[in-house]
C-alpha atoms as a PDB file:
ATOM      1  CA  MET A   1      -9.297  32.910  13.763  1.00  0.00           C
ATOM      2  CA  LYS A   2      -6.485  30.427  13.034  1.00  0.00           C
ATOM      3  CA  LYS A   3      -4.036  32.496  15.127  1.00  0.00           C
ATOM      4  CA  LEU A   4      -6.501  32.598  18.020  1.00  0.00           C
ATOM      5  CA  ILE A   5      -6.948  28.830  17.928  1.00  0.00           C
ATOM      6  CA  LEU A   6      -3.166  28.324  17.761  1.00  0.00           C
ATOM      7  CA  SER A   7      -2.684  30.730  20.673  1.00  0.00           C
ATOM      8  CA  LEU A   8      -5.267  28.858  22.754  1.00  0.00           C
ATOM      9  CA  ALA A   9      -3.650  25.527  21.876  1.00  0.00           C
ATOM     10  CA  ILE A  10      -0.224  26.800  22.910  1.00  0.00           C
ATOM     11  CA  THR A  11      -1.642  28.127  26.192  1.00  0.00           C
ATOM     12  CA  LEU A  12      -3.278  24.767  26.897  1.00  0.00           C
ATOM     13  CA  ILE A  13      -0.101  22.843  26.070  1.00  0.00           C
ATOM     14  CA  ALA A  14       1.944  25.143  28.317  1.00  0.00           C
ATOM     15  CA  ALA A  15      -0.570  24.674  31.151  1.00  0.00           C
ATOM     16  CA  LEU A  16      -0.486  20.908  30.776  1.00  0.00           C
ATOM     17  CA  SER A  17       3.291  20.984  30.693  1.00  0.00           C
ATOM     18  CA  ALA A  18       3.434  23.034  33.867  1.00  0.00           C
ATOM     19  CA  SER A  19       1.033  20.745  35.698  1.00  0.00           C
ATOM     20  CA  ALA A  20       2.733  17.563  34.443  1.00  0.00           C
ATOM     21  CA  GLN A  21      -0.632  16.058  33.442  1.00  0.00           C
ATOM     22  CA  VAL A  22       0.943  14.504  30.397  1.00  0.00           C
ATOM     23  CA  LYS A  23       2.618  11.189  29.644  1.00  0.00           C
ATOM     24  CA  LYS A  24       6.138  10.545  30.888  1.00  0.00           C
ATOM     25  CA  ALA A  25       8.422   9.836  27.921  1.00  0.00           C
ATOM     26  CA  PRO A  26       9.657   6.244  28.159  1.00  0.00           C
ATOM     27  CA  ASP A  27      13.431   6.092  28.469  1.00  0.00           C
ATOM     28  CA  PHE A  28      15.374   4.340  25.738  1.00  0.00           C
ATOM     29  CA  THR A  29      18.937   3.723  24.673  1.00  0.00           C
ATOM     30  CA  LEU A  30      19.866   3.470  20.997  1.00  0.00           C
ATOM     31  CA  PRO A  31      23.077   3.707  18.960  1.00  0.00           C
ATOM     32  CA  ASP A  32      24.144   6.867  17.177  1.00  0.00           C
ATOM     33  CA  ALA A  33      26.053   6.930  13.879  1.00  0.00           C
ATOM     34  CA  GLN A  34      29.385   6.430  15.682  1.00  0.00           C
ATOM     35  CA  GLY A  35      28.053   3.382  17.539  1.00  0.00           C
ATOM     36  CA  GLU A  36      27.835   5.208  20.878  1.00  0.00           C
ATOM     37  CA  MET A  37      24.765   4.423  22.948  1.00  0.00           C
ATOM     38  CA  VAL A  38      22.563   7.444  23.694  1.00  0.00           C
ATOM     39  CA  SER A  39      19.691   7.431  26.166  1.00  0.00           C
ATOM     40  CA  LEU A  40      16.830   9.857  26.482  1.00  0.00           C
ATOM     41  CA  SER A  41      17.517  10.153  30.219  1.00  0.00           C
ATOM     42  CA  SER A  42      20.952  11.622  29.418  1.00  0.00           C
ATOM     43  CA  LEU A  43      19.128  14.636  27.937  1.00  0.00           C
ATOM     44  CA  ARG A  44      16.945  15.254  31.018  1.00  0.00           C
ATOM     45  CA  GLY A  45      16.866  18.909  32.010  1.00  0.00           C
ATOM     46  CA  ASN A  46      16.585  20.007  28.377  1.00  0.00           C
ATOM     47  CA  TRP A  47      13.708  20.509  26.011  1.00  0.00           C
ATOM     48  CA  VAL A  48      13.902  17.632  23.511  1.00  0.00           C
ATOM     49  CA  VAL A  49      12.351  17.140  20.086  1.00  0.00           C
ATOM     50  CA  LEU A  50      12.004  13.477  19.146  1.00  0.00           C
ATOM     51  CA  ASP A  51      11.655  13.039  15.383  1.00  0.00           C
ATOM     52  CA  PHE A  52      10.451   9.553  14.393  1.00  0.00           C
ATOM     53  CA  TRP A  53      11.375   9.221  10.735  1.00  0.00           C
ATOM     54  CA  GLY A  54      12.793   7.000   7.994  1.00  0.00           C
ATOM     55  CA  SER A  55      14.884   7.586   4.889  1.00  0.00           C
ATOM     56  CA  TRP A  56      12.093   5.949   2.847  1.00  0.00           C
ATOM     57  CA  CYS A  57       9.518   8.537   4.041  1.00  0.00           C
ATOM     58  CA  GLY A  58       8.970  11.333   1.521  1.00  0.00           C
ATOM     59  CA  TRP A  59       7.283  13.656   4.028  1.00  0.00           C
ATOM     60  CA  CYS A  60      10.118  13.089   6.501  1.00  0.00           C
ATOM     61  CA  ILE A  61      12.644  14.170   3.872  1.00  0.00           C
ATOM     62  CA  LYS A  62      10.517  17.179   2.845  1.00  0.00           C
ATOM     63  CA  GLY A  63      10.575  18.367   6.464  1.00  0.00           C
ATOM     64  CA  ILE A  64      14.372  18.316   6.846  1.00  0.00           C
ATOM     65  CA  PRO A  65      14.994  21.928   5.683  1.00  0.00           C
ATOM     66  CA  GLN A  66      12.485  23.335   8.175  1.00  0.00           C
ATOM     67  CA  MET A  67      13.901  21.161  10.952  1.00  0.00           C
ATOM     68  CA  LYS A  68      17.437  22.344  10.104  1.00  0.00           C
ATOM     69  CA  GLN A  69      16.268  25.962  10.262  1.00  0.00           C
ATOM     70  CA  ASN A  70      14.657  25.454  13.667  1.00  0.00           C
ATOM     71  CA  TYR A  71      17.621  23.451  14.941  1.00  0.00           C
ATOM     72  CA  ALA A  72      19.921  26.361  14.029  1.00  0.00           C
ATOM     73  CA  GLU A  73      17.606  28.806  15.783  1.00  0.00           C
ATOM     74  CA  LEU A  74      16.771  26.818  18.936  1.00  0.00           C
ATOM     75  CA  SER A  75      19.940  24.867  19.651  1.00  0.00           C
ATOM     76  CA  PRO A  76      21.320  24.595  22.356  1.00  0.00           C
ATOM     77  CA  LYS A  77      18.048  25.427  24.200  1.00  0.00           C
ATOM     78  CA  VAL A  78      16.477  22.400  22.534  1.00  0.00           C
ATOM     79  CA  LYS A  79      18.076  19.025  21.835  1.00  0.00           C
ATOM     80  CA  PHE A  80      16.866  17.543  18.556  1.00  0.00           C
ATOM     81  CA  VAL A  81      16.926  13.747  18.265  1.00  0.00           C
ATOM     82  CA  GLY A  82      16.123  11.947  15.030  1.00  0.00           C
ATOM     83  CA  ILE A  83      15.264   8.267  15.393  1.00  0.00           C
ATOM     84  CA  ALA A  84      15.218   6.264  12.171  1.00  0.00           C
ATOM     85  CA  PHE A  85      12.859   3.301  11.780  1.00  0.00           C
ATOM     86  CA  HIS A  86      12.409   0.577   9.144  1.00  0.00           C
ATOM     87  CA  ASP A  87      15.810   1.445   7.643  1.00  0.00           C
ATOM     88  CA  SER A  88      18.767  -0.835   7.165  1.00  0.00           C
ATOM     89  CA  LYS A  89      21.901   0.555   8.766  1.00  0.00           C
ATOM     90  CA  GLU A  90      23.272   1.223   5.269  1.00  0.00           C
ATOM     91  CA  ALA A  91      20.184   3.188   4.173  1.00  0.00           C
ATOM     92  CA  TRP A  92      20.314   5.179   7.416  1.00  0.00           C
ATOM     93  CA  PHE A  93      24.014   6.045   6.973  1.00  0.00           C
ATOM     94  CA  LYS A  94      23.360   7.031   3.364  1.00  0.00           C
ATOM     95  CA  ALA A  95      20.530   9.383   4.422  1.00  0.00           C
ATOM     96  CA  LEU A  96      22.647  10.915   7.207  1.00  0.00           C
ATOM     97  CA  ASN A  97      25.394  11.672   4.710  1.00  0.00           C
ATOM     98  CA  LYS A  98      23.087  12.854   1.934  1.00  0.00           C
ATOM     99  CA  TYR A  99      21.028  15.246   4.088  1.00  0.00           C
ATOM    100  CA  GLN A 100      23.820  16.278   6.518  1.00  0.00           C
ATOM    101  CA  LEU A 101      21.639  16.102   9.627  1.00  0.00           C
ATOM    102  CA  PRO A 102      23.379  18.116  12.390  1.00  0.00           C
ATOM    103  CA  TRP A 103      21.370  16.887  15.392  1.00  0.00           C
ATOM    104  CA  ILE A 104      21.603  13.667  17.409  1.00  0.00           C
ATOM    105  CA  ASN A 105      20.704  10.764  15.120  1.00  0.00           C
ATOM    106  CA  LEU A 106      19.748   7.349  16.444  1.00  0.00           C
ATOM    107  CA  TRP A 107      18.684   4.123  14.782  1.00  0.00           C
ATOM    108  CA  GLU A 108      16.329   1.339  15.807  1.00  0.00           C
ATOM    109  CA  ASP A 109      17.254  -1.957  14.206  1.00  0.00           C
ATOM    110  CA  PRO A 110      14.408  -3.075  11.902  1.00  0.00           C
ATOM    111  CA  GLU A 111      14.760  -6.557  13.409  1.00  0.00           C
ATOM    112  CA  THR A 112      13.573  -5.230  16.800  1.00  0.00           C
ATOM    113  CA  ASP A 113      10.549  -7.149  18.087  1.00  0.00           C
ATOM    114  CA  ARG A 114       7.451  -5.034  17.332  1.00  0.00           C
ATOM    115  CA  ASN A 115       6.331  -5.383  20.961  1.00  0.00           C
ATOM    116  CA  LYS A 116       9.632  -3.873  22.136  1.00  0.00           C
ATOM    117  CA  SER A 117       9.881  -1.180  19.470  1.00  0.00           C
ATOM    118  CA  LEU A 118       9.842   2.484  20.452  1.00  0.00           C
ATOM    119  CA  LEU A 119       7.073   2.902  17.906  1.00  0.00           C
ATOM    120  CA  LYS A 120       4.786   0.875  20.159  1.00  0.00           C
ATOM    121  CA  GLU A 121       6.060   2.421  23.397  1.00  0.00           C
ATOM    122  CA  TYR A 122       5.473   5.923  22.056  1.00  0.00           C
ATOM    123  CA  GLY A 123       2.263   5.122  20.161  1.00  0.00           C
ATOM    124  CA  VAL A 124       3.626   6.302  16.819  1.00  0.00           C
ATOM    125  CA  SER A 125       0.929   5.859  14.176  1.00  0.00           C
ATOM    126  CA  GLY A 126       2.514   7.558  11.162  1.00  0.00           C
ATOM    127  CA  PHE A 127       5.662   9.119   9.783  1.00  0.00           C
ATOM    128  CA  PRO A 128       7.001  11.564  10.489  1.00  0.00           C
ATOM    129  CA  THR A 129       5.933  11.985  14.099  1.00  0.00           C
ATOM    130  CA  LYS A 130       7.505  14.687  16.224  1.00  0.00           C
ATOM    131  CA  MET A 131       7.202  14.917  19.987  1.00  0.00           C
ATOM    132  CA  ILE A 132       8.224  17.649  22.375  1.00  0.00           C
ATOM    133  CA  VAL A 133       9.566  16.403  25.709  1.00  0.00           C
ATOM    134  CA  ASN A 134       9.826  18.978  28.480  1.00  0.00           C
ATOM    135  CA  PRO A 135      12.878  19.240  30.798  1.00  0.00           C
ATOM    136  CA  ASP A 136      11.130  17.021  33.367  1.00  0.00           C
ATOM    137  CA  GLY A 137      10.748  14.213  30.816  1.00  0.00           C
ATOM    138  CA  TYR A 138       7.063  14.574  29.913  1.00  0.00           C
ATOM    139  CA  ILE A 139       5.673  14.531  26.373  1.00  0.00           C
ATOM    140  CA  VAL A 140       3.843  17.840  25.985  1.00  0.00           C
ATOM    141  CA  ASN A 141       3.087  17.716  22.264  1.00  0.00           C
ATOM    142  CA  THR A 142       2.787  15.081  19.542  1.00  0.00           C
ATOM    143  CA  THR A 143       2.450  16.037  15.900  1.00  0.00           C
ATOM    144  CA  VAL A 144       1.930  13.443  13.178  1.00  0.00           C
ATOM    145  CA  GLY A 145       2.939  14.584   9.699  1.00  0.00           C
ATOM    146  CA  GLU A 146       4.717  17.746   8.625  1.00  0.00           C
ATOM    147  CA  ASP A 147       2.931  20.688  10.199  1.00  0.00           C
ATOM    148  CA  PRO A 148       4.621  24.113  10.375  1.00  0.00           C
ATOM    149  CA  GLU A 149       2.621  24.887  13.536  1.00  0.00           C
ATOM    150  CA  PHE A 150       4.722  22.286  15.365  1.00  0.00           C
ATOM    151  CA  TYR A 151       7.649  24.725  15.450  1.00  0.00           C
ATOM    152  CA  GLU A 152       5.422  27.618  16.554  1.00  0.00           C
ATOM    153  CA  ILE A 153       4.270  25.498  19.499  1.00  0.00           C
ATOM    154  CA  LEU A 154       7.874  24.492  20.265  1.00  0.00           C
ATOM    155  CA  LYS A 155       9.060  28.107  20.234  1.00  0.00           C
ATOM    156  CA  ALA A 156       6.196  29.192  22.487  1.00  0.00           C
ATOM    157  CA  LEU A 157       7.028  26.452  24.996  1.00  0.00           C
ATOM    158  CA  VAL A 158      10.782  27.050  25.192  1.00  0.00           C
ATOM    159  CA  LYS A 159      10.722  30.864  25.202  1.00  0.00           C
END
């Protein structure tokens, strides 16, 4: 029964993606670990996973091995982008070094006005939150928390 429900969900997500009846992902520009500015629009034409996380988030850290596994399997078909929130720059750098995150890593300054934060723009209600953005720039899936079905949905969409 669970597989049937997952299959139906994937079919629905794919249909929504194809018809573009989903929310356009707001563009943003944030610094990476080298200080280079990276914008979402520069990744247009690719499938993109946005991972809203923080080094202080236990569930975010628990999900890193599975994300690394899927990154290794799906890259370069899919661009993975981690965006750290509520972290000092030092804590963010420390986490990047400790966990050796191979994908694009960006940081939102914790001093950012809440009304201008990506968390508000994207409607993030908990950590971690992962979103799948299709090549046309539309959000076709949002998953709050660590859910292994997220990667099944991603694989079904990008096949």
